[in-house]
Amino acid sequence: MARRRQVVWASVVVALVLAVGSAAAEGGFRRYWRLEKDVKTLEARNAKLAQDNARLRREVEALRDDSRALERAAREELGYVRPGELVFDVEER
């Protein structure tokens, strides 16, 4: 019975040593945790990019279908003005 107990305790000690070694090793749990963090970061980035893509799709559709949106974009992004309009360029300091 004592021999059996020694074998069980030896097995427990070996299992603990292996578990600690795996947690400390670069290819073990540390790598797993790092990869999990990377996955969460990439998922958040994908969600942000999906929102940006949806916003850009809506903007493209508006530019195709709505002449007011097209005029607004031309004025804001290209600086176009209608004939006879006065433009005041005010710079902030």
C-alpha atoms as a PDB file:
ATOM      1  CA  MET A   1       0.000   0.000   0.000  1.00  0.00           C
ATOM      2  CA  ALA A   2       2.868   2.386   0.807  1.00  0.00           C
ATOM      3  CA  ARG A   3       4.420   1.666  -2.584  1.00  0.00           C
ATOM      4  CA  ARG A   4       1.161   2.513  -4.310  1.00  0.00           C
ATOM      5  CA  ARG A   5       0.913   5.793  -2.373  1.00  0.00           C
ATOM      6  CA  GLN A   6       4.467   6.681  -3.408  1.00  0.00           C
ATOM      7  CA  VAL A   7       3.632   6.054  -7.062  1.00  0.00           C
ATOM      8  CA  VAL A   8       0.512   8.233  -6.827  1.00  0.00           C
ATOM      9  CA  TRP A   9       2.432  11.091  -5.172  1.00  0.00           C
ATOM     10  CA  ALA A  10       5.238  10.785  -7.677  1.00  0.00           C
ATOM     11  CA  SER A  11       2.686  10.977 -10.482  1.00  0.00           C
ATOM     12  CA  VAL A  12       1.103  14.074  -8.923  1.00  0.00           C
ATOM     13  CA  VAL A  13       4.502  15.763  -8.590  1.00  0.00           C
ATOM     14  CA  VAL A  14       5.419  14.950 -12.193  1.00  0.00           C
ATOM     15  CA  ALA A  15       2.039  16.274 -13.388  1.00  0.00           C
ATOM     16  CA  LEU A  16       2.542  19.507 -11.435  1.00  0.00           C
ATOM     17  CA  VAL A  17       6.050  19.960 -12.813  1.00  0.00           C
ATOM     18  CA  LEU A  18       4.768  19.419 -16.344  1.00  0.00           C
ATOM     19  CA  ALA A  19       1.869  21.849 -15.814  1.00  0.00           C
ATOM     20  CA  VAL A  20       4.184  24.553 -14.447  1.00  0.00           C
ATOM     21  CA  GLY A  21       6.627  23.943 -17.281  1.00  0.00           C
ATOM     22  CA  SER A  22       3.866  24.227 -19.839  1.00  0.00           C
ATOM     23  CA  ALA A  23       2.583  27.447 -18.308  1.00  0.00           C
ATOM     24  CA  ALA A  24       6.071  28.962 -18.285  1.00  0.00           C
ATOM     25  CA  ALA A  25       7.206  27.729 -21.714  1.00  0.00           C
ATOM     26  CA  GLU A  26       6.918  30.028 -24.715  1.00  0.00           C
ATOM     27  CA  GLY A  27       5.037  27.402 -26.716  1.00  0.00           C
ATOM     28  CA  GLY A  28       2.644  26.514 -23.898  1.00  0.00           C
ATOM     29  CA  PHE A  29      -0.110  28.404 -22.162  1.00  0.00           C
ATOM     30  CA  ARG A  30       1.667  31.752 -22.551  1.00  0.00           C
ATOM     31  CA  ARG A  31       1.491  31.362 -26.303  1.00  0.00           C
ATOM     32  CA  TYR A  32      -2.164  30.324 -26.077  1.00  0.00           C
ATOM     33  CA  TRP A  33      -3.032  33.385 -23.979  1.00  0.00           C
ATOM     34  CA  ARG A  34      -1.142  35.682 -26.366  1.00  0.00           C
ATOM     35  CA  LEU A  35      -2.938  34.176 -29.352  1.00  0.00           C
ATOM     36  CA  GLU A  36      -6.294  34.562 -27.587  1.00  0.00           C
ATOM     37  CA  LYS A  37      -5.508  38.238 -27.019  1.00  0.00           C
ATOM     38  CA  ASP A  38      -4.530  38.618 -30.680  1.00  0.00           C
ATOM     39  CA  VAL A  39      -7.792  37.004 -31.780  1.00  0.00           C
ATOM     40  CA  LYS A  40      -9.835  39.411 -29.644  1.00  0.00           C
ATOM     41  CA  THR A  41      -7.889  42.382 -30.987  1.00  0.00           C
ATOM     42  CA  LEU A  42      -8.411  41.246 -34.581  1.00  0.00           C
ATOM     43  CA  GLU A  43     -12.123  40.625 -33.990  1.00  0.00           C
ATOM     44  CA  ALA A  44     -12.513  44.163 -32.644  1.00  0.00           C
ATOM     45  CA  ARG A  45     -10.604  45.530 -35.638  1.00  0.00           C
ATOM     46  CA  ASN A  46     -12.793  43.521 -38.030  1.00  0.00           C
ATOM     47  CA  ALA A  47     -15.934  44.897 -36.382  1.00  0.00           C
ATOM     48  CA  LYS A  48     -14.613  48.463 -36.767  1.00  0.00           C
ATOM     49  CA  LEU A  49     -13.724  47.856 -40.410  1.00  0.00           C
ATOM     50  CA  ALA A  50     -17.167  46.368 -41.064  1.00  0.00           C
ATOM     51  CA  GLN A  51     -18.754  49.530 -39.636  1.00  0.00           C
ATOM     52  CA  ASP A  52     -16.500  51.684 -41.805  1.00  0.00           C
ATOM     53  CA  ASN A  53     -17.382  49.618 -44.881  1.00  0.00           C
ATOM     54  CA  ALA A  54     -21.105  49.949 -44.176  1.00  0.00           C
ATOM     55  CA  ARG A  55     -20.744  53.730 -43.747  1.00  0.00           C
ATOM     56  CA  LEU A  56     -18.796  53.991 -47.010  1.00  0.00           C
ATOM     57  CA  ARG A  57     -21.379  51.877 -48.865  1.00  0.00           C
ATOM     58  CA  ARG A  58     -24.138  54.196 -47.653  1.00  0.00           C
ATOM     59  CA  GLU A  59     -22.097  57.200 -48.774  1.00  0.00           C
ATOM     60  CA  VAL A  60     -21.520  55.684 -52.228  1.00  0.00           C
ATOM     61  CA  GLU A  61     -25.228  54.951 -52.621  1.00  0.00           C
ATOM     62  CA  ALA A  62     -26.089  58.494 -51.552  1.00  0.00           C
ATOM     63  CA  LEU A  63     -23.618  59.932 -54.060  1.00  0.00           C
ATOM     64  CA  ARG A  64     -25.119  57.795 -56.831  1.00  0.00           C
ATOM     65  CA  ASP A  65     -28.768  58.546 -56.051  1.00  0.00           C
ATOM     66  CA  ASP A  66     -28.956  61.948 -54.333  1.00  0.00           C
ATOM     67  CA  SER A  67     -27.832  65.063 -56.191  1.00  0.00           C
ATOM     68  CA  ARG A  68     -27.747  67.030 -52.914  1.00  0.00           C
ATOM     69  CA  ALA A  69     -25.272  64.565 -51.438  1.00  0.00           C
ATOM     70  CA  LEU A  70     -23.149  64.816 -54.564  1.00  0.00           C
ATOM     71  CA  GLU A  71     -23.192  68.626 -54.376  1.00  0.00           C
ATOM     72  CA  ARG A  72     -22.312  68.546 -50.655  1.00  0.00           C
ATOM     73  CA  ALA A  73     -19.360  66.220 -51.326  1.00  0.00           C
ATOM     74  CA  ALA A  74     -18.137  68.426 -54.191  1.00  0.00           C
ATOM     75  CA  ARG A  75     -18.323  71.506 -51.977  1.00  0.00           C
ATOM     76  CA  GLU A  76     -16.733  69.963 -48.877  1.00  0.00           C
ATOM     77  CA  GLU A  77     -14.069  67.765 -50.420  1.00  0.00           C
ATOM     78  CA  LEU A  78     -13.232  69.592 -53.643  1.00  0.00           C
ATOM     79  CA  GLY A  79     -13.998  73.187 -52.657  1.00  0.00           C
ATOM     80  CA  TYR A  80     -16.437  73.775 -55.521  1.00  0.00           C
ATOM     81  CA  VAL A  81     -18.710  76.835 -55.427  1.00  0.00           C
ATOM     82  CA  ARG A  82     -21.602  77.979 -57.547  1.00  0.00           C
ATOM     83  CA  PRO A  83     -21.171  80.928 -59.871  1.00  0.00           C
ATOM     84  CA  GLY A  84     -21.825  84.164 -58.015  1.00  0.00           C
ATOM     85  CA  GLU A  85     -21.116  82.747 -54.544  1.00  0.00           C
ATOM     86  CA  LEU A  86     -18.563  84.366 -52.276  1.00  0.00           C
ATOM     87  CA  VAL A  87     -16.107  82.196 -50.397  1.00  0.00           C
ATOM     88  CA  PHE A  88     -14.664  83.313 -47.073  1.00  0.00           C
ATOM     89  CA  ASP A  89     -11.713  81.239 -46.004  1.00  0.00           C
ATOM     90  CA  VAL A  90     -11.269  81.625 -42.241  1.00  0.00           C
ATOM     91  CA  GLU A  91      -8.260  80.043 -40.577  1.00  0.00           C
ATOM     92  CA  GLU A  92      -8.191  79.181 -36.916  1.00  0.00           C
ATOM     93  CA  ARG A  93      -5.079  79.759 -34.853  1.00  0.00           C
END
